[in-house]
PDB file of N, CA and C in Angstrom:
ATOM      1  N   MET A   1     136.037 -71.378 196.143  1.00  0.00           N
ATOM      2  CA  MET A   1     134.920 -70.284 195.429  1.00  0.00           C
ATOM      3  C   MET A   1     135.726 -69.838 193.833  1.00  0.00           C
ATOM      4  N   ASN A   2     135.165 -70.158 192.892  1.00  0.00           N
ATOM      5  CA  ASN A   2     135.736 -69.626 191.712  1.00  0.00           C
ATOM      6  C   ASN A   2     135.112 -68.362 191.228  1.00  0.00           C
ATOM      7  N   ASP A   3     135.497 -67.409 191.529  1.00  0.00           N
ATOM      8  CA  ASP A   3     134.790 -66.078 191.001  1.00  0.00           C
ATOM      9  C   ASP A   3     135.542 -65.393 190.194  1.00  0.00           C
ATOM     10  N   MET A   4     135.198 -65.188 188.897  1.00  0.00           N
ATOM     11  CA  MET A   4     136.062 -64.784 187.954  1.00  0.00           C
ATOM     12  C   MET A   4     136.199 -63.319 187.882  1.00  0.00           C
ATOM     13  N   HIS A   5     135.444 -62.483 188.544  1.00  0.00           N
ATOM     14  CA  HIS A   5     135.634 -60.978 188.625  1.00  0.00           C
ATOM     15  C   HIS A   5     136.525 -60.669 190.019  1.00  0.00           C
ATOM     16  N   SER A   6     137.156 -61.770 190.685  1.00  0.00           N
ATOM     17  CA  SER A   6     138.075 -61.592 191.906  1.00  0.00           C
ATOM     18  C   SER A   6     139.482 -60.747 191.561  1.00  0.00           C
ATOM     19  N   LYS A   7     139.431 -59.659 192.341  1.00  0.00           N
ATOM     20  CA  LYS A   7     140.855 -58.918 191.825  1.00  0.00           C
ATOM     21  C   LYS A   7     141.967 -59.271 192.538  1.00  0.00           C
ATOM     22  N   ASN A   8     142.132 -60.297 193.354  1.00  0.00           N
ATOM     23  CA  ASN A   8     142.852 -60.720 194.275  1.00  0.00           C
ATOM     24  C   ASN A   8     143.527 -61.917 193.730  1.00  0.00           C
ATOM     25  N   ARG A   9     143.565 -62.333 192.638  1.00  0.00           N
ATOM     26  CA  ARG A   9     144.042 -63.645 191.880  1.00  0.00           C
ATOM     27  C   ARG A   9     145.736 -63.321 191.934  1.00  0.00           C
ATOM     28  N   THR A  10     146.443 -64.411 191.942  1.00  0.00           N
ATOM     29  CA  THR A  10     147.985 -64.233 192.070  1.00  0.00           C
ATOM     30  C   THR A  10     148.388 -65.298 191.109  1.00  0.00           C
ATOM     31  N   ILE A  11     149.238 -64.805 190.134  1.00  0.00           N
ATOM     32  CA  ILE A  11     149.674 -65.613 188.961  1.00  0.00           C
ATOM     33  C   ILE A  11     151.228 -65.844 189.555  1.00  0.00           C
ATOM     34  N   ILE A  12     151.926 -66.991 189.517  1.00  0.00           N
ATOM     35  CA  ILE A  12     153.067 -67.450 189.787  1.00  0.00           C
ATOM     36  C   ILE A  12     153.621 -67.872 188.622  1.00  0.00           C
ATOM     37  N   VAL A  13     154.777 -67.121 188.031  1.00  0.00           N
ATOM     38  CA  VAL A  13     155.497 -67.533 186.837  1.00  0.00           C
ATOM     39  C   VAL A  13     156.837 -68.251 187.183  1.00  0.00           C
ATOM     40  N   LYS A  14     157.253 -69.135 186.976  1.00  0.00           N
ATOM     41  CA  LYS A  14     158.996 -69.339 187.095  1.00  0.00           C
ATOM     42  C   LYS A  14     159.826 -68.916 186.148  1.00  0.00           C
ATOM     43  N   ASN A  15     160.707 -68.544 186.836  1.00  0.00           N
ATOM     44  CA  ASN A  15     162.017 -68.367 185.860  1.00  0.00           C
ATOM     45  C   ASN A  15     162.179 -69.005 184.764  1.00  0.00           C
ATOM     46  N   ARG A  16     162.043 -69.134 183.475  1.00  0.00           N
ATOM     47  CA  ARG A  16     162.370 -69.867 182.593  1.00  0.00           C
ATOM     48  C   ARG A  16     163.220 -69.298 181.589  1.00  0.00           C
ATOM     49  N   MET A  17     164.758 -69.246 182.090  1.00  0.00           N
ATOM     50  CA  MET A  17     165.687 -68.583 181.089  1.00  0.00           C
ATOM     51  C   MET A  17     166.429 -69.696 180.485  1.00  0.00           C
ATOM     52  N   ALA A  18     166.444 -69.522 179.137  1.00  0.00           N
ATOM     53  CA  ALA A  18     166.911 -70.381 178.179  1.00  0.00           C
ATOM     54  C   ALA A  18     168.549 -70.717 178.488  1.00  0.00           C
ATOM     55  N   ASN A  19     169.368 -69.563 178.962  1.00  0.00           N
ATOM     56  CA  ASN A  19     170.685 -69.881 178.951  1.00  0.00           C
ATOM     57  C   ASN A  19     170.852 -70.058 180.504  1.00  0.00           C
ATOM     58  N   THR A  20     170.989 -71.105 181.449  1.00  0.00           N
ATOM     59  CA  THR A  20     170.979 -71.223 182.664  1.00  0.00           C
ATOM     60  C   THR A  20     172.719 -71.679 182.894  1.00  0.00           C
ATOM     61  N   THR A  21     173.390 -71.558 182.044  1.00  0.00           N
ATOM     62  CA  THR A  21     174.911 -71.941 182.294  1.00  0.00           C
ATOM     63  C   THR A  21     175.727 -70.839 182.908  1.00  0.00           C
ATOM     64  N   GLY A  22     175.123 -69.579 182.709  1.00  0.00           N
ATOM     65  CA  GLY A  22     176.098 -68.596 183.218  1.00  0.00           C
ATOM     66  C   GLY A  22     176.876 -68.033 182.355  1.00  0.00           C
ATOM     67  N   LEU A  23     176.839 -68.636 181.143  1.00  0.00           N
ATOM     68  CA  LEU A  23     177.795 -68.230 179.966  1.00  0.00           C
ATOM     69  C   LEU A  23     177.217 -67.033 179.136  1.00  0.00           C
ATOM     70  N   LYS A  24     177.874 -66.115 178.844  1.00  0.00           N
ATOM     71  CA  LYS A  24     177.359 -65.115 178.028  1.00  0.00           C
ATOM     72  C   LYS A  24     177.406 -65.435 176.345  1.00  0.00           C
ATOM     73  N   TYR A  25     176.268 -65.374 175.756  1.00  0.00           N
ATOM     74  CA  TYR A  25     176.191 -65.705 174.276  1.00  0.00           C
ATOM     75  C   TYR A  25     175.777 -64.208 173.702  1.00  0.00           C
ATOM     76  N   GLY A  26     176.541 -63.783 172.524  1.00  0.00           N
ATOM     77  CA  GLY A  26     175.835 -62.940 171.639  1.00  0.00           C
ATOM     78  C   GLY A  26     176.033 -61.482 172.506  1.00  0.00           C
ATOM     79  N   GLY A  27     175.655 -60.277 171.909  1.00  0.00           N
ATOM     80  CA  GLY A  27     175.754 -58.911 172.388  1.00  0.00           C
ATOM     81  C   GLY A  27     177.250 -58.498 172.392  1.00  0.00           C
ATOM     82  N   ARG A  28     177.488 -57.425 173.089  1.00  0.00           N
ATOM     83  CA  ARG A  28     178.830 -56.740 173.056  1.00  0.00           C
ATOM     84  C   ARG A  28     179.954 -57.487 174.268  1.00  0.00           C
ATOM     85  N   GLN A  29     180.784 -57.819 173.369  1.00  0.00           N
ATOM     86  CA  GLN A  29     181.820 -58.220 174.134  1.00  0.00           C
ATOM     87  C   GLN A  29     182.057 -57.440 175.472  1.00  0.00           C
ATOM     88  N   LYS A  30     182.893 -58.351 176.579  1.00  0.00           N
ATOM     89  CA  LYS A  30     183.018 -57.531 177.503  1.00  0.00           C
ATOM     90  C   LYS A  30     184.299 -56.506 177.577  1.00  0.00           C
ATOM     91  N   GLY A  31     183.936 -55.495 177.929  1.00  0.00           N
ATOM     92  CA  GLY A  31     184.966 -54.181 177.769  1.00  0.00           C
ATOM     93  C   GLY A  31     184.512 -53.360 176.679  1.00  0.00           C
ATOM     94  N   THR A  32     183.632 -53.558 175.727  1.00  0.00           N
ATOM     95  CA  THR A  32     183.299 -52.992 174.518  1.00  0.00           C
ATOM     96  C   THR A  32     182.223 -51.828 174.944  1.00  0.00           C
ATOM     97  N   PRO A  33     182.619 -50.666 174.628  1.00  0.00           N
ATOM     98  CA  PRO A  33     181.524 -49.500 175.773  1.00  0.00           C
ATOM     99  C   PRO A  33     180.685 -49.243 174.732  1.00  0.00           C
ATOM    100  N   ASN A  34     179.126 -49.035 175.019  1.00  0.00           N
ATOM    101  CA  ASN A  34     178.317 -48.661 174.482  1.00  0.00           C
ATOM    102  C   ASN A  34     178.554 -47.677 173.437  1.00  0.00           C
ATOM    103  N   ARG A  35     177.841 -47.880 172.375  1.00  0.00           N
ATOM    104  CA  ARG A  35     177.762 -46.677 171.318  1.00  0.00           C
ATOM    105  C   ARG A  35     177.238 -45.400 171.562  1.00  0.00           C
ATOM    106  N   LEU A  36     176.102 -45.429 172.174  1.00  0.00           N
ATOM    107  CA  LEU A  36     175.564 -44.308 172.744  1.00  0.00           C
ATOM    108  C   LEU A  36     176.361 -43.567 173.939  1.00  0.00           C
ATOM    109  N   THR A  37     176.844 -44.150 174.814  1.00  0.00           N
ATOM    110  CA  THR A  37     177.779 -43.812 175.668  1.00  0.00           C
ATOM    111  C   THR A  37     179.209 -43.015 175.305  1.00  0.00           C
ATOM    112  N   LYS A  38     179.443 -43.454 174.203  1.00  0.00           N
ATOM    113  CA  LYS A  38     180.880 -43.070 173.544  1.00  0.00           C
ATOM    114  C   LYS A  38     180.320 -41.875 172.909  1.00  0.00           C
ATOM    115  N   GLU A  39     179.479 -41.649 171.987  1.00  0.00           N
ATOM    116  CA  GLU A  39     178.768 -40.578 171.221  1.00  0.00           C
ATOM    117  C   GLU A  39     178.694 -39.695 172.469  1.00  0.00           C
ATOM    118  N   LEU A  40     178.190 -39.758 173.414  1.00  0.00           N
ATOM    119  CA  LEU A  40     177.782 -38.557 173.937  1.00  0.00           C
ATOM    120  C   LEU A  40     178.803 -38.016 174.932  1.00  0.00           C
ATOM    121  N   ARG A  41     179.877 -39.077 175.206  1.00  0.00           N
ATOM    122  CA  ARG A  41     180.963 -38.519 176.037  1.00  0.00           C
ATOM    123  C   ARG A  41     181.873 -37.705 174.732  1.00  0.00           C
ATOM    124  N   THR A  42     181.693 -37.935 173.557  1.00  0.00           N
ATOM    125  CA  THR A  42     182.563 -37.198 172.509  1.00  0.00           C
ATOM    126  C   THR A  42     181.767 -35.818 172.454  1.00  0.00           C
ATOM    127  N   ILE A  43     180.529 -35.770 172.362  1.00  0.00           N
ATOM    128  CA  ILE A  43     179.795 -34.279 172.672  1.00  0.00           C
ATOM    129  C   ILE A  43     180.299 -33.552 173.487  1.00  0.00           C
ATOM    130  N   LEU A  44     180.063 -34.104 174.730  1.00  0.00           N
ATOM    131  CA  LEU A  44     180.240 -33.478 176.112  1.00  0.00           C
ATOM    132  C   LEU A  44     181.908 -33.063 176.157  1.00  0.00           C
ATOM    133  N   LYS A  45     183.100 -33.842 175.686  1.00  0.00           N
ATOM    134  CA  LYS A  45     184.363 -33.417 175.493  1.00  0.00           C
ATOM    135  C   LYS A  45     184.356 -32.100 174.667  1.00  0.00           C
ATOM    136  N   GLU A  46     184.024 -31.989 173.671  1.00  0.00           N
ATOM    137  CA  GLU A  46     183.990 -30.984 172.752  1.00  0.00           C
ATOM    138  C   GLU A  46     183.306 -29.519 173.141  1.00  0.00           C
ATOM    139  N   ALA A  47     181.960 -29.895 174.039  1.00  0.00           N
ATOM    140  CA  ALA A  47     181.468 -28.532 174.374  1.00  0.00           C
ATOM    141  C   ALA A  47     182.224 -28.155 175.532  1.00  0.00           C
ATOM    142  N   LEU A  48     182.553 -29.118 176.542  1.00  0.00           N
ATOM    143  CA  LEU A  48     183.955 -28.621 177.329  1.00  0.00           C
ATOM    144  C   LEU A  48     185.182 -28.062 176.979  1.00  0.00           C
ATOM    145  N   HIS A  49     185.523 -28.408 176.043  1.00  0.00           N
ATOM    146  CA  HIS A  49     186.508 -27.766 175.515  1.00  0.00           C
ATOM    147  C   HIS A  49     186.237 -26.475 175.037  1.00  0.00           C
ATOM    148  N   LYS A  50     185.225 -26.191 174.433  1.00  0.00           N
ATOM    149  CA  LYS A  50     184.783 -24.887 173.749  1.00  0.00           C
ATOM    150  C   LYS A  50     184.913 -23.660 175.085  1.00  0.00           C
ATOM    151  N   GLU A  51     184.054 -24.377 176.318  1.00  0.00           N
ATOM    152  CA  GLU A  51     183.951 -23.804 177.292  1.00  0.00           C
ATOM    153  C   GLU A  51     185.443 -23.372 178.236  1.00  0.00           C
ATOM    154  N   LEU A  52     186.388 -24.223 178.072  1.00  0.00           N
ATOM    155  CA  LEU A  52     187.463 -23.979 178.597  1.00  0.00           C
ATOM    156  C   LEU A  52     188.584 -22.986 177.995  1.00  0.00           C
ATOM    157  N   GLU A  53     188.149 -23.000 176.601  1.00  0.00           N
ATOM    158  CA  GLU A  53     188.810 -21.787 176.055  1.00  0.00           C
ATOM    159  C   GLU A  53     188.407 -20.758 176.280  1.00  0.00           C
ATOM    160  N   SER A  54     187.484 -20.355 176.727  1.00  0.00           N
ATOM    161  CA  SER A  54     186.967 -18.938 177.024  1.00  0.00           C
ATOM    162  C   SER A  54     186.853 -18.629 178.520  1.00  0.00           C
ATOM    163  N   ILE A  55     187.315 -19.704 179.318  1.00  0.00           N
ATOM    164  CA  ILE A  55     187.324 -19.705 180.761  1.00  0.00           C
ATOM    165  C   ILE A  55     187.703 -18.533 181.430  1.00  0.00           C
ATOM    166  N   GLY A  56     188.915 -17.963 180.831  1.00  0.00           N
ATOM    167  CA  GLY A  56     189.597 -16.575 181.493  1.00  0.00           C
ATOM    168  C   GLY A  56     188.703 -15.636 181.527  1.00  0.00           C
ATOM    169  N   GLU A  57     188.260 -15.109 180.137  1.00  0.00           N
ATOM    170  CA  GLU A  57     187.378 -14.235 179.897  1.00  0.00           C
ATOM    171  C   GLU A  57     186.115 -14.248 180.825  1.00  0.00           C
ATOM    172  N   LEU A  58     185.752 -15.698 180.957  1.00  0.00           N
ATOM    173  CA  LEU A  58     184.197 -15.668 181.774  1.00  0.00           C
ATOM    174  C   LEU A  58     184.837 -15.302 183.424  1.00  0.00           C
ATOM    175  N   LEU A  59     186.054 -15.960 183.526  1.00  0.00           N
ATOM    176  CA  LEU A  59     186.265 -15.557 185.288  1.00  0.00           C
ATOM    177  C   LEU A  59     186.504 -14.038 185.455  1.00  0.00           C
ATOM    178  N   GLU A  60     187.173 -13.338 184.289  1.00  0.00           N
ATOM    179  CA  GLU A  60     187.363 -11.856 184.277  1.00  0.00           C
ATOM    180  C   GLU A  60     186.262 -11.113 184.957  1.00  0.00           C
ATOM    181  N   GLN A  61     185.041 -11.742 184.159  1.00  0.00           N
ATOM    182  CA  GLN A  61     183.593 -11.025 184.492  1.00  0.00           C
ATOM    183  C   GLN A  61     183.146 -10.996 185.887  1.00  0.00           C
ATOM    184  N   LEU A  62     183.641 -11.892 186.503  1.00  0.00           N
ATOM    185  CA  LEU A  62     183.005 -12.429 187.865  1.00  0.00           C
ATOM    186  C   LEU A  62     183.681 -11.393 188.931  1.00  0.00           C
ATOM    187  N   GLU A  63     182.862 -10.930 190.052  1.00  0.00           N
ATOM    188  CA  GLU A  63     183.672 -10.416 191.171  1.00  0.00           C
ATOM    189  C   GLU A  63     184.681 -10.950 191.751  1.00  0.00           C
ATOM    190  N   PRO A  64     185.628 -10.525 192.118  1.00  0.00           N
ATOM    191  CA  PRO A  64     186.774 -11.288 193.014  1.00  0.00           C
ATOM    192  C   PRO A  64     186.293 -12.299 193.958  1.00  0.00           C
ATOM    193  N   LYS A  65     185.198 -12.108 194.919  1.00  0.00           N
ATOM    194  CA  LYS A  65     184.630 -13.476 195.678  1.00  0.00           C
ATOM    195  C   LYS A  65     184.100 -14.163 194.851  1.00  0.00           C
ATOM    196  N   GLU A  66     183.310 -14.275 194.006  1.00  0.00           N
ATOM    197  CA  GLU A  66     182.827 -14.967 193.080  1.00  0.00           C
ATOM    198  C   GLU A  66     183.933 -15.975 192.275  1.00  0.00           C
ATOM    199  N   ARG A  67     185.012 -14.977 192.015  1.00  0.00           N
ATOM    200  CA  ARG A  67     186.221 -15.754 191.102  1.00  0.00           C
ATOM    201  C   ARG A  67     186.756 -17.005 191.812  1.00  0.00           C
ATOM    202  N   LEU A  68     186.755 -16.277 192.850  1.00  0.00           N
ATOM    203  CA  LEU A  68     187.677 -17.134 194.044  1.00  0.00           C
ATOM    204  C   LEU A  68     186.825 -18.652 194.228  1.00  0.00           C
ATOM    205  N   GLU A  69     185.332 -18.378 194.500  1.00  0.00           N
ATOM    206  CA  GLU A  69     184.787 -19.646 194.810  1.00  0.00           C
ATOM    207  C   GLU A  69     184.393 -20.574 193.683  1.00  0.00           C
ATOM    208  N   VAL A  70     184.551 -19.792 192.291  1.00  0.00           N
ATOM    209  CA  VAL A  70     184.857 -20.724 191.135  1.00  0.00           C
ATOM    210  C   VAL A  70     186.203 -21.617 191.280  1.00  0.00           C
ATOM    211  N   LEU A  71     187.090 -20.748 191.375  1.00  0.00           N
ATOM    212  CA  LEU A  71     188.469 -21.657 191.248  1.00  0.00           C
ATOM    213  C   LEU A  71     188.684 -22.613 192.341  1.00  0.00           C
ATOM    214  N   ILE A  72     188.126 -22.224 193.655  1.00  0.00           N
ATOM    215  CA  ILE A  72     188.234 -23.280 194.765  1.00  0.00           C
ATOM    216  C   ILE A  72     187.420 -24.268 194.426  1.00  0.00           C
ATOM    217  N   LYS A  73     186.222 -24.451 193.689  1.00  0.00           N
ATOM    218  CA  LYS A  73     185.631 -25.406 193.208  1.00  0.00           C
ATOM    219  C   LYS A  73     186.335 -26.566 192.326  1.00  0.00           C
ATOM    220  N   LEU A  74     186.960 -25.861 191.203  1.00  0.00           N
ATOM    221  CA  LEU A  74     187.853 -26.301 190.156  1.00  0.00           C
ATOM    222  C   LEU A  74     188.973 -26.857 190.769  1.00  0.00           C
ATOM    223  N   MET A  75     189.640 -26.629 191.837  1.00  0.00           N
ATOM    224  CA  MET A  75     190.534 -27.020 192.180  1.00  0.00           C
ATOM    225  C   MET A  75     190.992 -28.630 192.373  1.00  0.00           C
ATOM    226  N   PRO A  76     189.935 -29.335 193.115  1.00  0.00           N
ATOM    227  CA  PRO A  76     189.918 -30.918 192.720  1.00  0.00           C
ATOM    228  C   PRO A  76     190.433 -31.405 191.525  1.00  0.00           C
ATOM    229  N   PHE A  77     189.785 -30.608 190.482  1.00  0.00           N
ATOM    230  CA  PHE A  77     189.883 -31.548 189.171  1.00  0.00           C
ATOM    231  C   PHE A  77     191.162 -31.024 188.736  1.00  0.00           C
ATOM    232  N   VAL A  78     192.209 -30.199 189.240  1.00  0.00           N
ATOM    233  CA  VAL A  78     193.405 -30.115 188.520  1.00  0.00           C
ATOM    234  C   VAL A  78     194.278 -30.596 189.662  1.00  0.00           C
ATOM    235  N   PHE A  79     194.316 -30.306 190.759  1.00  0.00           N
ATOM    236  CA  PHE A  79     195.258 -30.850 191.836  1.00  0.00           C
ATOM    237  C   PHE A  79     195.029 -31.942 192.439  1.00  0.00           C
ATOM    238  N   PRO A  80     196.088 -32.963 192.613  1.00  0.00           N
ATOM    239  CA  PRO A  80     195.813 -34.248 193.370  1.00  0.00           C
ATOM    240  C   PRO A  80     195.544 -33.873 194.836  1.00  0.00           C
ATOM    241  N   ARG A  81     194.805 -34.815 195.261  1.00  0.00           N
ATOM    242  CA  ARG A  81     194.253 -34.836 196.807  1.00  0.00           C
ATOM    243  C   ARG A  81     195.489 -35.312 197.532  1.00  0.00           C
ATOM    244  N   MET A  82     196.066 -34.639 198.692  1.00  0.00           N
ATOM    245  CA  MET A  82     196.978 -35.022 199.596  1.00  0.00           C
ATOM    246  C   MET A  82     196.638 -35.656 200.644  1.00  0.00           C
ATOM    247  N   ASN A  83     197.407 -36.521 200.936  1.00  0.00           N
ATOM    248  CA  ASN A  83     196.858 -37.427 202.118  1.00  0.00           C
ATOM    249  C   ASN A  83     197.632 -36.746 203.200  1.00  0.00           C
ATOM    250  N   LYS A  84     197.135 -36.981 204.404  1.00  0.00           N
ATOM    251  CA  LYS A  84     197.530 -36.378 205.676  1.00  0.00           C
ATOM    252  C   LYS A  84     198.475 -37.298 206.212  1.00  0.00           C
ATOM    253  N   VAL A  85     199.726 -36.234 206.910  1.00  0.00           N
ATOM    254  CA  VAL A  85     200.545 -37.034 207.462  1.00  0.00           C
ATOM    255  C   VAL A  85     200.462 -36.807 209.114  1.00  0.00           C
ATOM    256  N   SER A  86     200.641 -38.005 209.670  1.00  0.00           N
ATOM    257  CA  SER A  86     200.528 -37.697 211.249  1.00  0.00           C
ATOM    258  C   SER A  86     201.760 -38.219 211.737  1.00  0.00           C
ATOM    259  N   HIS A  87     202.026 -38.034 213.055  1.00  0.00           N
ATOM    260  CA  HIS A  87     203.186 -38.657 213.838  1.00  0.00           C
ATOM    261  C   HIS A  87     202.750 -38.822 214.989  1.00  0.00           C
ATOM    262  N   SER A  88     203.019 -39.508 215.655  1.00  0.00           N
ATOM    263  CA  SER A  88     202.830 -40.116 217.342  1.00  0.00           C
ATOM    264  C   SER A  88     204.126 -39.817 217.733  1.00  0.00           C
ATOM    265  N   MET A  89     203.973 -39.194 218.970  1.00  0.00           N
ATOM    266  CA  MET A  89     205.361 -39.078 219.742  1.00  0.00           C
ATOM    267  C   MET A  89     205.887 -40.237 220.295  1.00  0.00           C
ATOM    268  N   ASP A  90     205.262 -41.486 220.237  1.00  0.00           N
ATOM    269  CA  ASP A  90     205.779 -43.072 220.338  1.00  0.00           C
ATOM    270  C   ASP A  90     206.639 -43.526 219.341  1.00  0.00           C
ATOM    271  N   GLU A  91     206.391 -42.960 218.019  1.00  0.00           N
ATOM    272  CA  GLU A  91     206.860 -43.456 217.026  1.00  0.00           C
ATOM    273  C   GLU A  91     208.583 -42.842 216.592  1.00  0.00           C
ATOM    274  N   PRO A  92     209.488 -43.600 216.164  1.00  0.00           N
ATOM    275  CA  PRO A  92     210.551 -42.837 215.838  1.00  0.00           C
ATOM    276  C   PRO A  92     210.539 -42.198 214.327  1.00  0.00           C
ATOM    277  N   VAL A  93     211.128 -41.173 214.133  1.00  0.00           N
ATOM    278  CA  VAL A  93     211.131 -40.605 212.922  1.00  0.00           C
ATOM    279  C   VAL A  93     212.613 -40.890 212.223  1.00  0.00           C
ATOM    280  N   ASN A  94     212.505 -41.411 210.851  1.00  0.00           N
ATOM    281  CA  ASN A  94     213.342 -41.416 210.083  1.00  0.00           C
ATOM    282  C   ASN A  94     213.295 -40.887 208.880  1.00  0.00           C
ATOM    283  N   PHE A  95     214.146 -39.711 208.834  1.00  0.00           N
ATOM    284  CA  PHE A  95     214.338 -38.732 207.773  1.00  0.00           C
ATOM    285  C   PHE A  95     215.109 -39.188 206.708  1.00  0.00           C
ATOM    286  N   SER A  96     215.760 -40.256 206.870  1.00  0.00           N
ATOM    287  CA  SER A  96     216.470 -40.729 205.370  1.00  0.00           C
ATOM    288  C   SER A  96     215.522 -41.160 204.316  1.00  0.00           C
ATOM    289  N   ASP A  97     214.574 -41.661 204.904  1.00  0.00           N
ATOM    290  CA  ASP A  97     213.496 -42.148 203.972  1.00  0.00           C
ATOM    291  C   ASP A  97     212.851 -41.005 202.866  1.00  0.00           C
ATOM    292  N   TRP A  98     212.761 -39.773 203.576  1.00  0.00           N
ATOM    293  CA  TRP A  98     212.409 -38.683 202.541  1.00  0.00           C
ATOM    294  C   TRP A  98     213.061 -38.205 201.439  1.00  0.00           C
TER     295      TRP A  98
END
């Protein structure tokens, strides 16, 4: 059946890439940052720097509970996360390594 108005036609197109070697030609070199990303990071850093200059005054305007909540949320960005230390009763402890 050759119906010109059929809506269920399937067209199969094979992948015809010009470069099948897997080697990269042209474009940015590996590790070169995207220009737009670099510009956006610069703008965001400047905006964040301005906000950080006035963070003390902004924190003083908050209620003590709110101030503490904000500080707790900011702590992971300032202090490194500590690893848990565990000890089993079956393991010997060598304090000379500390």
